[in-house]
Amino acid sequence: MLCGAHHVVNKIVDNPTIGPYRWLTNTTPFAMTSDFEGAPDRTQLTHSLAEQIAARLSERIVSGTYAPGQRIMEQAIAAEFSVSRGPVREALRLLDKNGLVTILPRRGAQVTRLSIDEVKEIFDVRAVLNGLRDRLIAEHPDRARILPGLEAEVEALTRYARDARHADAYVDTVFRLNRILTDAAGSRRLKSILGSLALQTLRYSQLGLSTPERRRQSVQHWQKLVKAIRDGDGAAAERIARQRVIDSRDAAIRLIQEHSARTSAEPKKARRAA
């Protein structure tokens, strides 16, 4: 594995703070609705205090500012936002509902720590739902309305995939593409479920795109998807979408396992050296 990939794994698995998430509060399940055109309706942002706090906390969780397993203290959050503990408690319940935190009896909320099996399970569900989403779009009679936006973003991906210095820009563009497609699918329930799953796996999705080889493989999937949507080929769009997510899943799990193997071997080496 490339040295750069090791660096990304260490940052994401240990306590990642990679990548700009400026758009995150506009893509949470508590944030917005839009029409088939795929352009986010930014007039319907979060309104309740609890939803605003949940959006801010979710940004910290998916960026790794709050590490997996870390406790989130209600009193500290309430003091930070100058609110009572009631809205904070409700915000944590929203995050618990979406799988970002786990609320434990007498211990409060802590950031959800996913096992390899759980990562696999969530990605598998995402693969099926992304396939359904992209099939719906490819078979929609008005699909041509989103093609210019998709094509522009995929052209940007193609440029970013050629240069390792643009790894973060590539990942941000992929997330933006998924947002456009999810908004365009026209199903409020599908949008809500996919939004929740995307938040739970965001760190791992980024890990799955951390090498130049993976980004080159990924952009080929996106290019094929645009063609399938343009041709109205729903079956092809579904197949491509599923494979894209599965490839990301496998790459992320492989890197996590390699990281775990290295970290578990380090104490043994230290004991032998002593």
Protein backbone atom coordinates (compact mmCIF):
# COMPACT_ATOMS: atom_id res chain seq x y z
CA MET A 1 0.00 0.00 0.00
CA LEU A 2 1.25 3.52 -0.77
CA CYS A 3 2.74 5.63 2.00
CA GLY A 4 0.12 8.31 1.41
CA ALA A 5 -2.64 5.80 2.06
CA HIS A 6 -1.04 4.85 5.41
CA HIS A 7 -1.10 8.54 6.35
CA VAL A 8 -4.80 8.84 5.51
CA VAL A 9 -5.69 5.68 7.44
CA ASN A 10 -3.89 6.92 10.54
CA LYS A 11 -5.77 10.24 10.41
CA ILE A 12 -9.19 8.71 9.76
CA VAL A 13 -9.04 5.69 12.05
CA ASP A 14 -7.26 7.29 14.99
CA ASN A 15 -8.85 10.74 15.13
CA PRO A 16 -9.46 12.10 11.64
CA THR A 17 -9.92 15.75 10.81
CA ILE A 18 -9.65 15.42 7.04
CA GLY A 19 -11.52 17.30 4.40
CA PRO A 20 -13.79 20.31 4.37
CA TYR A 21 -17.37 19.58 5.46
CA ARG A 22 -18.76 23.04 4.75
CA TRP A 23 -21.78 21.49 3.04
CA LEU A 24 -22.59 18.95 5.75
CA THR A 25 -25.21 20.88 7.68
CA ASN A 26 -27.17 21.19 4.44
CA THR A 27 -27.17 17.45 3.76
CA THR A 28 -28.14 15.91 7.08
CA PRO A 29 -31.52 14.16 7.39
CA PHE A 30 -32.56 17.12 9.56
CA ALA A 31 -31.70 19.74 6.98
CA MET A 32 -33.45 20.18 3.65
CA THR A 33 -35.74 19.11 0.85
CA SER A 34 -35.58 19.69 -2.90
CA ASP A 35 -37.15 18.77 -6.21
CA PHE A 36 -36.09 16.50 -9.06
CA GLU A 37 -33.72 19.06 -10.53
CA GLY A 38 -31.13 18.13 -7.93
CA ALA A 39 -30.44 21.65 -6.73
CA PRO A 40 -30.61 21.82 -2.90
CA ASP A 41 -33.40 24.00 -1.56
CA ARG A 42 -31.32 26.17 0.73
CA THR A 43 -34.37 28.04 1.97
CA GLN A 44 -35.39 25.06 4.11
CA LEU A 45 -32.41 24.75 6.43
CA THR A 46 -32.66 23.55 10.02
CA HIS A 47 -34.97 25.65 12.16
CA SER A 48 -35.21 24.15 15.65
CA LEU A 49 -32.40 24.69 18.12
CA ALA A 50 -32.00 20.94 18.62
CA GLU A 51 -31.66 20.38 14.87
CA GLN A 52 -29.04 23.10 14.57
CA ILE A 53 -27.01 21.60 17.41
CA ALA A 54 -27.39 18.12 15.91
CA ALA A 55 -26.07 19.38 12.58
CA ARG A 56 -23.03 20.96 14.23
CA LEU A 57 -22.30 17.83 16.27
CA SER A 58 -22.74 15.57 13.25
CA GLU A 59 -20.12 17.62 11.40
CA ARG A 60 -17.66 17.04 14.23
CA ILE A 61 -18.41 13.34 14.35
CA VAL A 62 -18.03 12.59 10.65
CA SER A 63 -14.88 14.74 10.39
CA GLY A 64 -13.37 12.91 13.36
CA THR A 65 -13.15 15.87 15.74
CA TYR A 66 -15.08 13.54 18.04
CA ALA A 67 -13.39 10.16 17.84
CA PRO A 68 -15.27 6.82 17.79
CA GLY A 69 -16.11 5.85 21.36
CA GLN A 70 -15.68 9.37 22.73
CA ARG A 71 -18.30 10.55 25.21
CA ILE A 72 -20.25 13.70 24.39
CA MET A 73 -20.97 15.61 27.58
CA GLU A 74 -24.36 17.31 27.63
CA GLN A 75 -23.28 19.98 30.09
CA ALA A 76 -20.21 20.96 28.05
CA ILE A 77 -22.23 21.21 24.83
CA ALA A 78 -24.94 23.24 26.56
CA ALA A 79 -22.31 25.66 27.88
CA GLU A 80 -20.63 25.95 24.48
CA PHE A 81 -23.88 26.88 22.70
CA SER A 82 -25.26 28.86 25.67
CA VAL A 83 -28.43 26.77 25.88
CA SER A 84 -30.12 24.58 28.45
CA ARG A 85 -29.49 20.84 28.44
CA GLY A 86 -32.94 20.14 26.94
CA PRO A 87 -32.09 21.05 23.32
CA VAL A 88 -28.75 19.24 23.66
CA ARG A 89 -30.50 16.11 24.88
CA GLU A 90 -32.92 16.27 21.94
CA ALA A 91 -30.02 16.82 19.51
CA LEU A 92 -28.30 13.72 20.84
CA ARG A 93 -31.51 11.73 20.40
CA LEU A 94 -31.58 12.84 16.74
CA LEU A 95 -27.98 11.69 16.31
CA ASP A 96 -28.78 8.40 18.05
CA LYS A 97 -31.68 7.86 15.64
CA ASN A 98 -29.29 8.33 12.72
CA GLY A 99 -26.63 6.04 14.15
CA LEU A 100 -23.96 8.67 14.83
CA VAL A 101 -24.07 8.33 18.61
CA THR A 102 -25.15 5.61 21.00
CA ILE A 103 -26.99 6.62 24.17
CA LEU A 104 -26.12 4.30 27.05
CA PRO A 105 -28.01 4.07 30.36
CA ARG A 106 -26.31 6.11 33.12
CA ARG A 107 -23.38 6.90 30.79
CA GLY A 108 -24.92 9.28 28.29
CA ALA A 109 -24.02 9.58 24.62
CA GLN A 110 -20.86 8.41 22.94
CA VAL A 111 -19.78 8.46 19.31
CA THR A 112 -20.72 5.20 17.64
CA ARG A 113 -17.80 2.87 17.05
CA LEU A 114 -18.44 0.59 14.06
CA SER A 115 -16.97 -2.87 13.77
CA ILE A 116 -15.77 -4.25 10.44
CA ASP A 117 -18.99 -6.30 10.22
CA GLU A 118 -21.10 -3.19 10.85
CA VAL A 119 -19.20 -1.21 8.22
CA LYS A 120 -19.78 -4.01 5.74
CA GLU A 121 -23.48 -4.21 6.60
CA ILE A 122 -24.10 -0.48 6.18
CA PHE A 123 -22.20 -0.30 2.90
CA ASP A 124 -24.15 -3.29 1.61
CA VAL A 125 -27.42 -1.53 2.38
CA ARG A 126 -26.11 1.65 0.77
CA ALA A 127 -25.15 -0.32 -2.35
CA VAL A 128 -28.69 -1.60 -2.78
CA LEU A 129 -30.31 1.78 -2.10
CA ASN A 130 -27.87 3.69 -4.32
CA GLY A 131 -28.66 1.21 -7.05
CA LEU A 132 -32.38 1.84 -6.61
CA ARG A 133 -31.82 5.60 -6.57
CA ASP A 134 -29.77 5.64 -9.77
CA ARG A 135 -32.20 3.31 -11.54
CA LEU A 136 -35.08 5.64 -10.68
CA ILE A 137 -33.14 8.59 -12.07
CA ALA A 138 -32.09 6.78 -15.27
CA GLU A 139 -35.68 5.73 -15.94
CA HIS A 140 -37.19 9.13 -15.14
CA PRO A 141 -38.56 10.94 -18.21
CA ASP A 142 -37.03 14.24 -17.01
CA ARG A 143 -33.54 12.82 -16.37
CA ALA A 144 -32.00 15.18 -18.95
CA ARG A 145 -32.56 18.06 -16.53
CA ILE A 146 -29.79 16.90 -14.20
CA LEU A 147 -27.33 15.72 -16.86
CA PRO A 148 -25.50 19.07 -17.30
CA GLY A 149 -24.76 19.22 -13.57
CA LEU A 150 -23.68 15.59 -13.41
CA GLU A 151 -21.47 15.91 -16.46
CA ALA A 152 -19.75 19.00 -15.08
CA GLU A 153 -19.01 17.29 -11.76
CA VAL A 154 -17.73 14.11 -13.43
CA GLU A 155 -15.47 16.19 -15.66
CA ALA A 156 -14.02 17.70 -12.50
CA LEU A 157 -13.57 14.20 -11.04
CA THR A 158 -11.65 13.17 -14.13
CA ARG A 159 -9.23 16.06 -13.64
CA TYR A 160 -8.83 15.41 -9.92
CA ALA A 161 -8.22 11.68 -10.44
CA ARG A 162 -5.11 12.48 -12.50
CA ASP A 163 -3.39 14.41 -9.71
CA ALA A 164 -2.79 13.02 -6.21
CA ARG A 165 -2.69 16.58 -4.85
CA HIS A 166 -6.43 16.86 -5.45
CA ALA A 167 -7.48 13.90 -3.30
CA ASP A 168 -9.65 16.01 -0.95
CA ALA A 169 -11.26 17.81 -3.89
CA TYR A 170 -12.06 14.43 -5.46
CA VAL A 171 -13.76 13.19 -2.29
CA ASP A 172 -15.76 16.42 -1.88
CA THR A 173 -16.95 16.16 -5.48
CA VAL A 174 -18.06 12.56 -5.00
CA PHE A 175 -20.09 13.58 -1.96
CA ARG A 176 -21.60 16.44 -3.95
CA LEU A 177 -22.52 14.07 -6.79
CA ASN A 178 -24.23 11.73 -4.37
CA ARG A 179 -26.14 14.64 -2.90
CA ILE A 180 -27.32 15.73 -6.36
CA LEU A 181 -28.46 12.20 -7.20
CA THR A 182 -30.19 11.64 -3.88
CA ASP A 183 -32.03 14.97 -4.17
CA ALA A 184 -33.00 14.13 -7.75
CA ALA A 185 -34.47 10.71 -7.00
CA GLY A 186 -37.76 12.25 -5.93
CA SER A 187 -38.32 9.96 -2.92
CA ARG A 188 -38.34 11.73 0.44
CA ARG A 189 -38.07 8.46 2.35
CA LEU A 190 -35.15 7.19 0.23
CA LYS A 191 -33.44 10.54 0.68
CA SER A 192 -33.80 10.36 4.47
CA ILE A 193 -32.45 6.80 4.70
CA LEU A 194 -29.53 7.45 2.36
CA GLY A 195 -28.68 10.64 4.21
CA SER A 196 -28.49 8.78 7.49
CA LEU A 197 -26.38 5.95 6.04
CA ALA A 198 -24.05 8.42 4.32
CA LEU A 199 -23.36 10.18 7.62
CA GLN A 200 -22.62 6.90 9.39
CA THR A 201 -20.11 5.82 6.75
CA LEU A 202 -18.63 9.16 5.68
CA ARG A 203 -15.23 8.52 7.29
CA TYR A 204 -15.05 5.09 5.71
CA SER A 205 -16.16 6.33 2.30
CA GLN A 206 -13.31 8.82 2.39
CA LEU A 207 -10.92 6.07 3.36
CA GLY A 208 -12.14 3.98 0.44
CA LEU A 209 -11.06 6.77 -1.94
CA SER A 210 -7.70 7.45 -0.30
CA THR A 211 -5.41 6.00 -2.99
CA PRO A 212 -4.84 7.19 -6.58
CA GLU A 213 -5.71 3.72 -7.86
CA ARG A 214 -9.08 3.80 -6.15
CA ARG A 215 -9.88 7.26 -7.44
CA ARG A 216 -9.08 6.19 -11.01
CA GLN A 217 -11.34 3.17 -10.58
CA SER A 218 -14.05 5.34 -9.05
CA VAL A 219 -14.09 7.92 -11.85
CA GLN A 220 -14.64 5.16 -14.40
CA HIS A 221 -17.78 4.13 -12.52
CA TRP A 222 -19.03 7.72 -12.54
CA GLN A 223 -18.37 8.11 -16.26
CA LYS A 224 -20.30 4.92 -16.98
CA LEU A 225 -23.15 6.07 -14.74
CA VAL A 226 -23.56 9.34 -16.63
CA LYS A 227 -23.79 7.38 -19.88
CA ALA A 228 -26.37 4.99 -18.41
CA ILE A 229 -28.52 7.89 -17.20
CA ARG A 230 -28.20 9.65 -20.56
CA ASP A 231 -29.24 6.43 -22.34
CA GLY A 232 -32.12 5.79 -19.93
CA ASP A 233 -30.61 2.41 -19.02
CA GLY A 234 -31.92 1.79 -15.51
CA ALA A 235 -30.46 -1.71 -15.18
CA ALA A 236 -26.97 -0.49 -16.07
CA ALA A 237 -27.27 2.50 -13.71
CA GLU A 238 -28.27 0.20 -10.84
CA ARG A 239 -25.44 -2.25 -11.54
CA ILE A 240 -22.82 0.51 -11.76
CA ALA A 241 -24.02 2.19 -8.56
CA ARG A 242 -23.90 -1.03 -6.58
CA GLN A 243 -20.41 -1.88 -7.79
CA ARG A 244 -19.14 1.62 -7.00
CA VAL A 245 -20.24 1.34 -3.37
CA ILE A 246 -18.96 -2.23 -3.00
CA ASP A 247 -15.54 -1.22 -4.34
CA SER A 248 -15.39 1.60 -1.80
CA ARG A 249 -16.48 -0.77 0.97
CA ASP A 250 -13.81 -3.33 0.15
CA ALA A 251 -11.03 -0.75 -0.10
CA ALA A 252 -11.99 0.85 3.22
CA ILE A 253 -12.19 -2.48 5.06
CA ARG A 254 -8.88 -3.63 3.61
CA LEU A 255 -7.11 -0.47 4.80
CA ILE A 256 -8.72 -0.65 8.25
CA GLN A 257 -7.57 -4.26 8.62
CA GLU A 258 -4.04 -3.37 7.54
CA HIS A 259 -4.01 -0.49 10.00
CA SER A 260 -5.22 -2.77 12.81
CA ALA A 261 -2.58 -5.38 11.97
CA ARG A 262 0.18 -2.76 12.11
CA THR A 263 -0.96 -1.21 15.38
CA SER A 264 -1.35 -4.61 17.08
CA ALA A 265 2.15 -5.61 15.95
CA GLU A 266 3.81 -2.49 17.38
CA PRO A 267 3.48 -3.45 21.10
CA LYS A 268 4.95 -6.87 20.33
CA LYS A 269 7.95 -5.29 18.66
CA ALA A 270 8.40 -2.95 21.62
CA ARG A 271 8.35 -5.85 24.09
CA ARG A 272 10.91 -7.78 22.06
CA ALA A 273 13.14 -4.71 21.87
CA ALA A 274 12.94 -4.27 25.65
